[in-house]
Amino acid sequence: MKPLPSLDVLKTFAVVAQRLNFTRAADLLNVTQGAVSRQISGLEAHLGYALFVRQPRGLALTPNGAMLLAPVQQALAQITEALERSGAQSGTLRVKCPTCAMRWILPRVIRLQNERPELVIEVTASVSHGVEFNAEQFDAAIVFGQPALKGVSAHHLFDEVLTPVCAPGLLKDSTQRTTHAITPDDLADQTLLHPTRDRRDWLKWLAAYGYRGLPSAKAQHFDTLDLAISSAMQGLGVTIGDLSLIEEDLIAQRIVTPFSLCVPSGASYYLIYPERPAASKVLSEFAEWIESEAALTRAGLSRYLAA
């Protein structure tokens, strides 16, 4: 009898079968496309038959692949449920969080655990903004955007609100010789830090200000908002930031918002977790706590939006 494939390989197979695309599966699993392709090729070699038909626009399950998918999904679901039960008994809560939101949640979780040492909350940062509870071992996740509501409980936390941010004093040299109020023209000599490759956040904010295009040709691009904000704190340029995530940085004056205009992007952050007949005590307490923290953040945002 052949040895069983590893659990990681079977999880990869299940995610690829759901997405029928190596790139999308790699994003969800937080690995490279090449790693996903090698795992599937290795699994096919181990089994002795093809699981997918490679097509120009994606993948299709072979009959053998389709036959294997349902029992693999069922086995993964049973393992996930067993881990959830054992995690609930030990008091451990595993939460997936996009890197951009770590700036908001991590200091709050640390304070909570200092107040409630019996709670063990493991927050895992990820560059992906989604979660597959059947394939990933998490009890809950913070997601950005509009979550797929099927099979999950979703709690709205706060909305994304865009405005430029920079290190204190960065823009003073360019404006202290004049008496006019600061405008995007004052960014002409600055390096613009872009948290996305398509520059959509900067362009959205500038359009609300009445500007077309970018005021500066000097730019640096980042894969995450957190990296862009960290670079802005070092005085390396001006980034477009999310007020919802930098509340503590603003209070500590590690960063400032030189413009009064704040623009809701239309996207939001949510806490989600699988629907169950009854959530564990730890998860219920965490959901109640994080909603109260989010309410405080929304109240703080209202001051900026009113201005």
C-alpha atoms as a PDB file:
ATOM      1  CA  MET A   1       0.000   0.000   0.000  1.00  0.00           C
ATOM      2  CA  LYS A   2       1.367   3.415  -0.960  1.00  0.00           C
ATOM      3  CA  PRO A   3       2.070   5.862   1.865  1.00  0.00           C
ATOM      4  CA  LEU A   4      -0.487   8.629   2.199  1.00  0.00           C
ATOM      5  CA  PRO A   5       0.339  12.037   0.665  1.00  0.00           C
ATOM      6  CA  SER A   6       1.100  14.785   3.160  1.00  0.00           C
ATOM      7  CA  LEU A   7      -1.721  16.887   4.560  1.00  0.00           C
ATOM      8  CA  ASP A   8      -0.195  20.030   3.005  1.00  0.00           C
ATOM      9  CA  VAL A   9      -0.287  18.456  -0.454  1.00  0.00           C
ATOM     10  CA  LEU A  10      -3.912  17.385  -0.043  1.00  0.00           C
ATOM     11  CA  LYS A  11      -4.831  20.904   1.139  1.00  0.00           C
ATOM     12  CA  THR A  12      -3.141  22.299  -1.952  1.00  0.00           C
ATOM     13  CA  PHE A  13      -5.082  19.908  -4.169  1.00  0.00           C
ATOM     14  CA  ALA A  14      -8.392  20.956  -2.559  1.00  0.00           C
ATOM     15  CA  VAL A  15      -7.689  24.670  -2.999  1.00  0.00           C
ATOM     16  CA  VAL A  16      -6.550  24.253  -6.619  1.00  0.00           C
ATOM     17  CA  ALA A  17      -9.662  22.175  -7.346  1.00  0.00           C
ATOM     18  CA  GLN A  18     -11.851  24.961  -5.939  1.00  0.00           C
ATOM     19  CA  ARG A  19     -10.119  27.753  -7.862  1.00  0.00           C
ATOM     20  CA  LEU A  20      -8.988  25.806 -10.979  1.00  0.00           C
ATOM     21  CA  ASN A  21      -6.084  28.216 -11.239  1.00  0.00           C
ATOM     22  CA  PHE A  22      -2.553  27.825  -9.854  1.00  0.00           C
ATOM     23  CA  THR A  23      -2.042  31.565  -9.362  1.00  0.00           C
ATOM     24  CA  ARG A  24      -5.253  32.093  -7.352  1.00  0.00           C
ATOM     25  CA  ALA A  25      -4.540  28.980  -5.293  1.00  0.00           C
ATOM     26  CA  ALA A  26      -1.010  30.216  -4.571  1.00  0.00           C
ATOM     27  CA  ASP A  27      -2.379  33.567  -3.347  1.00  0.00           C
ATOM     28  CA  LEU A  28      -4.744  31.828  -0.939  1.00  0.00           C
ATOM     29  CA  LEU A  29      -2.054  29.467   0.326  1.00  0.00           C
ATOM     30  CA  ASN A  30       0.529  32.270   0.575  1.00  0.00           C
ATOM     31  CA  VAL A  31       3.102  30.353  -1.496  1.00  0.00           C
ATOM     32  CA  THR A  32       4.482  30.759  -5.005  1.00  0.00           C
ATOM     33  CA  GLN A  33       2.722  29.505  -8.109  1.00  0.00           C
ATOM     34  CA  GLY A  34       5.719  27.269  -8.793  1.00  0.00           C
ATOM     35  CA  ALA A  35       5.383  25.624  -5.385  1.00  0.00           C
ATOM     36  CA  VAL A  36       1.708  24.854  -6.036  1.00  0.00           C
ATOM     37  CA  SER A  37       2.493  23.446  -9.493  1.00  0.00           C
ATOM     38  CA  ARG A  38       5.260  21.226  -8.081  1.00  0.00           C
ATOM     39  CA  GLN A  39       3.016  19.914  -5.316  1.00  0.00           C
ATOM     40  CA  ILE A  40       0.266  18.977  -7.775  1.00  0.00           C
ATOM     41  CA  SER A  41       2.748  17.364 -10.184  1.00  0.00           C
ATOM     42  CA  GLY A  42       4.259  15.411  -7.278  1.00  0.00           C
ATOM     43  CA  LEU A  43       0.817  14.272  -6.118  1.00  0.00           C
ATOM     44  CA  GLU A  44      -0.100  13.141  -9.631  1.00  0.00           C
ATOM     45  CA  ALA A  45       3.178  11.197  -9.885  1.00  0.00           C
ATOM     46  CA  HIS A  46       2.533   9.604  -6.487  1.00  0.00           C
ATOM     47  CA  LEU A  47      -1.005   8.559  -7.429  1.00  0.00           C
ATOM     48  CA  GLY A  48      -0.121   7.477 -10.943  1.00  0.00           C
ATOM     49  CA  TYR A  49      -2.823   9.468 -12.706  1.00  0.00           C
ATOM     50  CA  ALA A  50      -3.603  13.050 -13.701  1.00  0.00           C
ATOM     51  CA  LEU A  51      -5.806  15.192 -11.469  1.00  0.00           C
ATOM     52  CA  PHE A  52      -6.134  18.209 -13.763  1.00  0.00           C
ATOM     53  CA  VAL A  53      -6.199  18.951 -17.457  1.00  0.00           C
ATOM     54  CA  ARG A  54      -4.051  22.003 -18.210  1.00  0.00           C
ATOM     55  CA  GLN A  55      -5.931  24.398 -20.474  1.00  0.00           C
ATOM     56  CA  PRO A  56      -4.978  27.821 -21.931  1.00  0.00           C
ATOM     57  CA  ARG A  57      -7.384  29.637 -19.585  1.00  0.00           C
ATOM     58  CA  GLY A  58      -7.027  27.533 -16.478  1.00  0.00           C
ATOM     59  CA  LEU A  59      -7.510  24.002 -15.259  1.00  0.00           C
ATOM     60  CA  ALA A  60     -10.212  21.351 -15.362  1.00  0.00           C
ATOM     61  CA  LEU A  61     -10.553  18.332 -13.087  1.00  0.00           C
ATOM     62  CA  THR A  62     -10.079  14.932 -14.673  1.00  0.00           C
ATOM     63  CA  PRO A  63     -12.626  12.229 -13.764  1.00  0.00           C
ATOM     64  CA  ASN A  64     -10.117  10.802 -11.271  1.00  0.00           C
ATOM     65  CA  GLY A  65      -9.537  14.249  -9.826  1.00  0.00           C
ATOM     66  CA  ALA A  66     -13.258  14.879  -9.423  1.00  0.00           C
ATOM     67  CA  MET A  67     -13.648  11.484  -7.720  1.00  0.00           C
ATOM     68  CA  LEU A  68     -10.871  12.291  -5.262  1.00  0.00           C
ATOM     69  CA  LEU A  69     -12.009  15.834  -4.415  1.00  0.00           C
ATOM     70  CA  ALA A  70     -15.107  15.106  -2.299  1.00  0.00           C
ATOM     71  CA  PRO A  71     -13.459  12.651   0.155  1.00  0.00           C
ATOM     72  CA  VAL A  72     -10.402  14.938   0.499  1.00  0.00           C
ATOM     73  CA  GLN A  73     -12.647  17.915   1.292  1.00  0.00           C
ATOM     74  CA  GLN A  74     -14.607  15.832   3.785  1.00  0.00           C
ATOM     75  CA  ALA A  75     -11.426  14.626   5.498  1.00  0.00           C
ATOM     76  CA  LEU A  76     -10.010  18.162   5.699  1.00  0.00           C
ATOM     77  CA  ALA A  77     -13.308  19.440   7.137  1.00  0.00           C
ATOM     78  CA  GLN A  78     -13.245  16.716   9.811  1.00  0.00           C
ATOM     79  CA  ILE A  79      -9.643  17.541  10.713  1.00  0.00           C
ATOM     80  CA  THR A  80     -10.487  21.259  10.852  1.00  0.00           C
ATOM     81  CA  GLU A  81     -13.449  20.594  13.135  1.00  0.00           C
ATOM     82  CA  ALA A  82     -11.338  18.417  15.417  1.00  0.00           C
ATOM     83  CA  LEU A  83      -8.654  21.093  15.623  1.00  0.00           C
ATOM     84  CA  GLU A  84     -11.284  23.728  16.368  1.00  0.00           C
ATOM     85  CA  ARG A  85     -12.626  21.616  19.219  1.00  0.00           C
ATOM     86  CA  SER A  86      -9.167  21.027  20.672  1.00  0.00           C
ATOM     87  CA  GLY A  87      -8.305  24.713  20.229  1.00  0.00           C
ATOM     88  CA  ALA A  88     -11.495  25.750  21.988  1.00  0.00           C
ATOM     89  CA  GLN A  89     -10.705  23.431  24.897  1.00  0.00           C
ATOM     90  CA  SER A  90      -7.205  24.815  25.271  1.00  0.00           C
ATOM     91  CA  GLY A  91      -8.407  28.409  25.057  1.00  0.00           C
ATOM     92  CA  THR A  92      -6.311  29.122  21.949  1.00  0.00           C
ATOM     93  CA  LEU A  93      -7.820  31.263  19.178  1.00  0.00           C
ATOM     94  CA  ARG A  94      -6.065  31.359  15.789  1.00  0.00           C
ATOM     95  CA  VAL A  95      -6.769  34.483  13.757  1.00  0.00           C
ATOM     96  CA  LYS A  96      -5.579  35.233  10.223  1.00  0.00           C
ATOM     97  CA  CYS A  97      -4.999  38.895   9.450  1.00  0.00           C
ATOM     98  CA  PRO A  98      -3.767  40.799   6.374  1.00  0.00           C
ATOM     99  CA  THR A  99      -0.475  42.577   6.976  1.00  0.00           C
ATOM    100  CA  CYS A 100      -2.094  46.004   6.555  1.00  0.00           C
ATOM    101  CA  ALA A 101      -4.445  45.400   9.495  1.00  0.00           C
ATOM    102  CA  MET A 102      -1.698  44.118  11.823  1.00  0.00           C
ATOM    103  CA  ARG A 103      -0.884  47.738  12.663  1.00  0.00           C
ATOM    104  CA  TRP A 104      -4.402  48.029  14.113  1.00  0.00           C
ATOM    105  CA  ILE A 105      -5.008  44.671  15.728  1.00  0.00           C
ATOM    106  CA  LEU A 106      -1.635  43.669  17.187  1.00  0.00           C
ATOM    107  CA  PRO A 107      -1.271  46.350  19.912  1.00  0.00           C
ATOM    108  CA  ARG A 108      -4.886  45.771  20.906  1.00  0.00           C
ATOM    109  CA  VAL A 109      -4.456  42.000  21.155  1.00  0.00           C
ATOM    110  CA  ILE A 110      -1.338  42.441  23.273  1.00  0.00           C
ATOM    111  CA  ARG A 111      -3.249  44.739  25.646  1.00  0.00           C
ATOM    112  CA  LEU A 112      -6.119  42.245  25.808  1.00  0.00           C
ATOM    113  CA  GLN A 113      -3.795  39.375  26.670  1.00  0.00           C
ATOM    114  CA  ASN A 114      -2.122  41.458  29.370  1.00  0.00           C
ATOM    115  CA  GLU A 115      -5.570  42.016  30.863  1.00  0.00           C
ATOM    116  CA  ARG A 116      -6.776  38.452  30.228  1.00  0.00           C
ATOM    117  CA  PRO A 117      -3.729  36.148  30.438  1.00  0.00           C
ATOM    118  CA  GLU A 118      -5.954  33.067  30.288  1.00  0.00           C
ATOM    119  CA  LEU A 119      -6.750  33.922  26.653  1.00  0.00           C
ATOM    120  CA  VAL A 120      -4.271  32.717  24.050  1.00  0.00           C
ATOM    121  CA  ILE A 121      -4.750  34.518  20.741  1.00  0.00           C
ATOM    122  CA  GLU A 122      -2.396  33.649  17.894  1.00  0.00           C
ATOM    123  CA  VAL A 123      -2.526  36.283  15.137  1.00  0.00           C
ATOM    124  CA  THR A 124      -0.900  35.265  11.854  1.00  0.00           C
ATOM    125  CA  ALA A 125      -0.062  37.940   9.277  1.00  0.00           C
ATOM    126  CA  SER A 126      -0.645  37.208   5.601  1.00  0.00           C
ATOM    127  CA  VAL A 127      -0.324  39.184   2.383  1.00  0.00           C
ATOM    128  CA  SER A 128      -3.554  37.611   1.138  1.00  0.00           C
ATOM    129  CA  HIS A 129      -6.885  39.255   1.964  1.00  0.00           C
ATOM    130  CA  GLY A 130      -9.013  36.124   2.035  1.00  0.00           C
ATOM    131  CA  VAL A 131      -9.251  32.854   3.936  1.00  0.00           C
ATOM    132  CA  GLU A 132     -10.325  29.289   3.161  1.00  0.00           C
ATOM    133  CA  PHE A 133     -11.470  27.850   6.476  1.00  0.00           C
ATOM    134  CA  ASN A 134     -11.724  24.351   4.987  1.00  0.00           C
ATOM    135  CA  ALA A 135      -8.089  24.438   3.886  1.00  0.00           C
ATOM    136  CA  GLU A 136      -6.464  26.720   6.490  1.00  0.00           C
ATOM    137  CA  GLN A 137      -6.292  26.102  10.208  1.00  0.00           C
ATOM    138  CA  PHE A 138      -7.786  29.348  11.494  1.00  0.00           C
ATOM    139  CA  ASP A 139     -10.726  29.944  13.821  1.00  0.00           C
ATOM    140  CA  ALA A 140     -11.395  33.458  12.514  1.00  0.00           C
ATOM    141  CA  ALA A 141      -9.968  36.024  10.124  1.00  0.00           C
ATOM    142  CA  ILE A 142      -9.945  39.736   9.511  1.00  0.00           C
ATOM    143  CA  VAL A 143     -10.578  40.335   5.824  1.00  0.00           C
ATOM    144  CA  PHE A 144     -10.503  43.415   3.641  1.00  0.00           C
ATOM    145  CA  GLY A 145     -13.208  44.067   1.058  1.00  0.00           C
ATOM    146  CA  GLN A 146     -16.621  42.475   0.894  1.00  0.00           C
ATOM    147  CA  PRO A 147     -16.459  38.905   2.257  1.00  0.00           C
ATOM    148  CA  ALA A 148     -18.344  36.022   0.704  1.00  0.00           C
ATOM    149  CA  LEU A 149     -21.090  35.562   3.288  1.00  0.00           C
ATOM    150  CA  LYS A 150     -21.942  31.942   2.458  1.00  0.00           C
ATOM    151  CA  GLY A 151     -21.128  29.728   5.406  1.00  0.00           C
ATOM    152  CA  VAL A 152     -19.525  32.450   7.544  1.00  0.00           C
ATOM    153  CA  SER A 153     -20.561  34.920  10.200  1.00  0.00           C
ATOM    154  CA  ALA A 154     -19.364  38.430   9.316  1.00  0.00           C
ATOM    155  CA  HIS A 155     -18.985  41.467  11.590  1.00  0.00           C
ATOM    156  CA  HIS A 156     -18.312  44.860  10.008  1.00  0.00           C
ATOM    157  CA  LEU A 157     -15.418  46.544  11.816  1.00  0.00           C
ATOM    158  CA  PHE A 158     -14.682  49.830  10.023  1.00  0.00           C
ATOM    159  CA  ASP A 159     -14.326  51.387   6.593  1.00  0.00           C
ATOM    160  CA  GLU A 160     -11.149  52.264   4.749  1.00  0.00           C
ATOM    161  CA  VAL A 161     -10.584  56.039   4.732  1.00  0.00           C
ATOM    162  CA  LEU A 162      -7.753  57.415   2.570  1.00  0.00           C
ATOM    163  CA  THR A 163      -5.565  60.459   3.196  1.00  0.00           C
ATOM    164  CA  PRO A 164      -1.856  61.238   2.683  1.00  0.00           C
ATOM    165  CA  VAL A 165       0.423  60.598   5.665  1.00  0.00           C
ATOM    166  CA  CYS A 166       4.077  61.371   6.331  1.00  0.00           C
ATOM    167  CA  ALA A 167       6.650  61.846   9.055  1.00  0.00           C
ATOM    168  CA  PRO A 168       6.228  64.987  11.188  1.00  0.00           C
ATOM    169  CA  GLY A 169       7.999  67.947   9.638  1.00  0.00           C
ATOM    170  CA  LEU A 170       8.543  66.381   6.209  1.00  0.00           C
ATOM    171  CA  LEU A 171       6.430  68.955   4.370  1.00  0.00           C
ATOM    172  CA  LYS A 172       7.365  71.973   6.512  1.00  0.00           C
ATOM    173  CA  ASP A 173      10.419  72.897   4.439  1.00  0.00           C
ATOM    174  CA  SER A 174       8.384  73.114   1.255  1.00  0.00           C
ATOM    175  CA  THR A 175       5.614  75.262   2.771  1.00  0.00           C
ATOM    176  CA  GLN A 176       7.189  77.411   5.495  1.00  0.00           C
ATOM    177  CA  ARG A 177       8.210  80.141   3.009  1.00  0.00           C
ATOM    178  CA  THR A 178       4.590  80.671   1.937  1.00  0.00           C
ATOM    179  CA  THR A 179       1.330  81.481   3.656  1.00  0.00           C
ATOM    180  CA  HIS A 180      -1.002  79.463   1.434  1.00  0.00           C
ATOM    181  CA  ALA A 181      -2.776  76.375   2.702  1.00  0.00           C
ATOM    182  CA  ILE A 182      -1.083  73.166   1.689  1.00  0.00           C
ATOM    183  CA  THR A 183      -2.332  71.608  -1.574  1.00  0.00           C
ATOM    184  CA  PRO A 184      -1.265  68.630  -3.682  1.00  0.00           C
ATOM    185  CA  ASP A 185       1.029  71.038  -5.568  1.00  0.00           C
ATOM    186  CA  ASP A 186       3.242  70.985  -2.470  1.00  0.00           C
ATOM    187  CA  LEU A 187       3.896  67.294  -3.144  1.00  0.00           C
ATOM    188  CA  ALA A 188       5.689  68.065  -6.436  1.00  0.00           C
ATOM    189  CA  ASP A 189       9.157  67.609  -4.904  1.00  0.00           C
ATOM    190  CA  GLN A 190       8.223  64.656  -2.706  1.00  0.00           C
ATOM    191  CA  THR A 191       8.577  60.938  -3.323  1.00  0.00           C
ATOM    192  CA  LEU A 192       5.122  59.383  -3.443  1.00  0.00           C
ATOM    193  CA  LEU A 193       4.960  55.990  -1.764  1.00  0.00           C
ATOM    194  CA  HIS A 194       2.395  53.709  -3.391  1.00  0.00           C
ATOM    195  CA  PRO A 195       0.901  50.795  -1.410  1.00  0.00           C
ATOM    196  CA  THR A 196      -0.420  49.305  -4.675  1.00  0.00           C
ATOM    197  CA  ARG A 197       1.195  48.873  -8.083  1.00  0.00           C
ATOM    198  CA  ASP A 198      -1.728  50.495  -9.903  1.00  0.00           C
ATOM    199  CA  ARG A 199      -1.539  53.663  -7.734  1.00  0.00           C
ATOM    200  CA  ARG A 200      -5.330  53.560  -7.363  1.00  0.00           C
ATOM    201  CA  ASP A 201      -5.406  54.887  -3.786  1.00  0.00           C
ATOM    202  CA  TRP A 202      -3.426  58.030  -4.601  1.00  0.00           C
ATOM    203  CA  LEU A 203      -5.467  58.613  -7.760  1.00  0.00           C
ATOM    204  CA  LYS A 204      -8.756  58.210  -5.878  1.00  0.00           C
ATOM    205  CA  TRP A 205      -7.761  60.753  -3.232  1.00  0.00           C
ATOM    206  CA  LEU A 206      -6.380  63.235  -5.798  1.00  0.00           C
ATOM    207  CA  ALA A 207      -9.556  62.957  -7.893  1.00  0.00           C
ATOM    208  CA  ALA A 208     -11.620  63.884  -4.821  1.00  0.00           C
ATOM    209  CA  TYR A 209      -9.340  66.918  -4.409  1.00  0.00           C
ATOM    210  CA  GLY A 210     -10.030  67.882  -8.020  1.00  0.00           C
ATOM    211  CA  TYR A 211      -6.644  66.841  -9.426  1.00  0.00           C
ATOM    212  CA  ARG A 212      -5.961  64.616 -12.390  1.00  0.00           C
ATOM    213  CA  GLY A 213      -2.804  62.562 -12.400  1.00  0.00           C
ATOM    214  CA  LEU A 214       0.029  62.590  -9.879  1.00  0.00           C
ATOM    215  CA  PRO A 215       1.771  65.772  -8.671  1.00  0.00           C
ATOM    216  CA  SER A 216       5.204  64.116  -8.534  1.00  0.00           C
ATOM    217  CA  ALA A 217       7.072  61.788 -10.863  1.00  0.00           C
ATOM    218  CA  LYS A 218       9.195  60.468  -7.991  1.00  0.00           C
ATOM    219  CA  ALA A 219       7.696  57.239  -6.718  1.00  0.00           C
ATOM    220  CA  GLN A 220       8.331  53.978  -4.911  1.00  0.00           C
ATOM    221  CA  HIS A 221       5.960  51.019  -4.963  1.00  0.00           C
ATOM    222  CA  PHE A 222       5.244  48.463  -2.233  1.00  0.00           C
ATOM    223  CA  ASP A 223       3.345  45.204  -2.042  1.00  0.00           C
ATOM    224  CA  THR A 224       1.588  46.112   1.208  1.00  0.00           C
ATOM    225  CA  LEU A 225       0.190  49.214   2.875  1.00  0.00           C
ATOM    226  CA  ASP A 226       2.117  48.405   6.039  1.00  0.00           C
ATOM    227  CA  LEU A 227       5.462  48.655   4.222  1.00  0.00           C
ATOM    228  CA  ALA A 228       4.462  51.979   2.651  1.00  0.00           C
ATOM    229  CA  ILE A 229       3.436  53.439   6.026  1.00  0.00           C
ATOM    230  CA  SER A 230       6.625  52.206   7.702  1.00  0.00           C
ATOM    231  CA  SER A 231       8.673  53.899   4.965  1.00  0.00           C
ATOM    232  CA  ALA A 232       6.696  57.130   5.403  1.00  0.00           C
ATOM    233  CA  MET A 233       7.454  57.061   9.140  1.00  0.00           C
ATOM    234  CA  GLN A 234      11.148  56.980   8.288  1.00  0.00           C
ATOM    235  CA  GLY A 235      10.747  60.204   6.291  1.00  0.00           C
ATOM    236  CA  LEU A 236      11.303  58.516   2.929  1.00  0.00           C
ATOM    237  CA  GLY A 237       8.252  60.098   1.313  1.00  0.00           C
ATOM    238  CA  VAL A 238       4.503  60.602   1.525  1.00  0.00           C
ATOM    239  CA  THR A 239       2.163  57.653   1.277  1.00  0.00           C
ATOM    240  CA  ILE A 240      -1.583  57.367   0.990  1.00  0.00           C
ATOM    241  CA  GLY A 241      -2.708  55.836   4.262  1.00  0.00           C
ATOM    242  CA  ASP A 242      -5.829  54.370   5.818  1.00  0.00           C
ATOM    243  CA  LEU A 243      -6.911  56.416   8.839  1.00  0.00           C
ATOM    244  CA  SER A 244      -8.616  53.370  10.301  1.00  0.00           C
ATOM    245  CA  LEU A 245      -5.295  51.594  10.726  1.00  0.00           C
ATOM    246  CA  ILE A 246      -2.968  54.361  11.967  1.00  0.00           C
ATOM    247  CA  GLU A 247      -4.952  55.729  14.895  1.00  0.00           C
ATOM    248  CA  GLU A 248      -2.286  54.804  17.466  1.00  0.00           C
ATOM    249  CA  ASP A 249       0.518  56.121  15.237  1.00  0.00           C
ATOM    250  CA  LEU A 250      -1.270  59.465  14.980  1.00  0.00           C
ATOM    251  CA  ILE A 251      -1.799  59.670  18.742  1.00  0.00           C
ATOM    252  CA  ALA A 252       1.890  58.903  19.340  1.00  0.00           C
ATOM    253  CA  GLN A 253       2.808  61.493  16.662  1.00  0.00           C
ATOM    254  CA  ARG A 254       4.883  58.973  14.746  1.00  0.00           C
ATOM    255  CA  ILE A 255       3.034  60.114  11.650  1.00  0.00           C
ATOM    256  CA  VAL A 256       0.850  63.076  10.638  1.00  0.00           C
ATOM    257  CA  THR A 257      -1.920  63.819   8.154  1.00  0.00           C
ATOM    258  CA  PRO A 258      -0.950  67.083   6.411  1.00  0.00           C
ATOM    259  CA  PHE A 259      -4.243  67.361   4.474  1.00  0.00           C
ATOM    260  CA  SER A 260      -7.731  67.702   5.898  1.00  0.00           C
ATOM    261  CA  LEU A 261      -9.413  65.833   3.033  1.00  0.00           C
ATOM    262  CA  CYS A 262     -10.233  62.202   3.909  1.00  0.00           C
ATOM    263  CA  VAL A 263     -11.853  59.982   1.288  1.00  0.00           C
ATOM    264  CA  PRO A 264     -13.755  56.746   2.049  1.00  0.00           C
ATOM    265  CA  SER A 265     -12.637  54.186  -0.532  1.00  0.00           C
ATOM    266  CA  GLY A 266     -15.807  52.096  -0.348  1.00  0.00           C
ATOM    267  CA  ALA A 267     -13.970  49.058   1.065  1.00  0.00           C
ATOM    268  CA  SER A 268     -14.239  47.797   4.639  1.00  0.00           C
ATOM    269  CA  TYR A 269     -12.690  45.449   7.172  1.00  0.00           C
ATOM    270  CA  TYR A 270     -14.635  42.513   8.616  1.00  0.00           C
ATOM    271  CA  LEU A 271     -14.159  39.835  11.222  1.00  0.00           C
ATOM    272  CA  ILE A 272     -15.374  36.525   9.830  1.00  0.00           C
ATOM    273  CA  TYR A 273     -15.514  32.963  11.133  1.00  0.00           C
ATOM    274  CA  PRO A 274     -17.303  29.756  10.081  1.00  0.00           C
ATOM    275  CA  GLU A 275     -20.956  29.484  10.967  1.00  0.00           C
ATOM    276  CA  ARG A 276     -21.490  26.995  13.772  1.00  0.00           C
ATOM    277  CA  PRO A 277     -24.563  26.065  15.857  1.00  0.00           C
ATOM    278  CA  ALA A 278     -22.738  27.731  18.754  1.00  0.00           C
ATOM    279  CA  ALA A 279     -19.436  29.578  18.632  1.00  0.00           C
ATOM    280  CA  SER A 280     -16.805  28.665  21.214  1.00  0.00           C
ATOM    281  CA  LYS A 281     -16.652  30.796  24.339  1.00  0.00           C
ATOM    282  CA  VAL A 282     -13.234  32.181  23.375  1.00  0.00           C
ATOM    283  CA  LEU A 283     -14.402  33.113  19.881  1.00  0.00           C
ATOM    284  CA  SER A 284     -17.588  34.740  21.181  1.00  0.00           C
ATOM    285  CA  GLU A 285     -15.616  36.834  23.675  1.00  0.00           C
ATOM    286  CA  PHE A 286     -13.085  37.797  20.996  1.00  0.00           C
ATOM    287  CA  ALA A 287     -15.826  38.845  18.550  1.00  0.00           C
ATOM    288  CA  GLU A 288     -17.532  40.973  21.204  1.00  0.00           C
ATOM    289  CA  TRP A 289     -14.216  42.561  22.212  1.00  0.00           C
ATOM    290  CA  ILE A 290     -13.041  43.357  18.674  1.00  0.00           C
ATOM    291  CA  GLU A 291     -16.400  44.920  17.812  1.00  0.00           C
ATOM    292  CA  SER A 292     -16.070  47.237  20.805  1.00  0.00           C
ATOM    293  CA  GLU A 293     -12.527  48.188  19.727  1.00  0.00           C
ATOM    294  CA  ALA A 294     -13.757  48.838  16.180  1.00  0.00           C
ATOM    295  CA  ALA A 295     -16.541  51.072  17.524  1.00  0.00           C
ATOM    296  CA  LEU A 296     -13.902  53.217  19.241  1.00  0.00           C
ATOM    297  CA  THR A 297     -11.958  53.444  15.983  1.00  0.00           C
ATOM    298  CA  ARG A 298     -15.081  54.486  14.081  1.00  0.00           C
ATOM    299  CA  ALA A 299     -15.757  57.184  16.685  1.00  0.00           C
ATOM    300  CA  GLY A 300     -12.222  58.485  16.274  1.00  0.00           C
ATOM    301  CA  LEU A 301     -12.574  58.506  12.486  1.00  0.00           C
ATOM    302  CA  SER A 302     -15.709  60.603  12.704  1.00  0.00           C
ATOM    303  CA  ARG A 303     -13.622  63.521  14.010  1.00  0.00           C
ATOM    304  CA  TYR A 304     -11.462  63.489  10.900  1.00  0.00           C
ATOM    305  CA  LEU A 305     -14.411  63.068   8.528  1.00  0.00           C
ATOM    306  CA  ALA A 306     -16.261  65.922  10.186  1.00  0.00           C
ATOM    307  CA  ALA A 307     -13.235  68.159   9.676  1.00  0.00           C
END
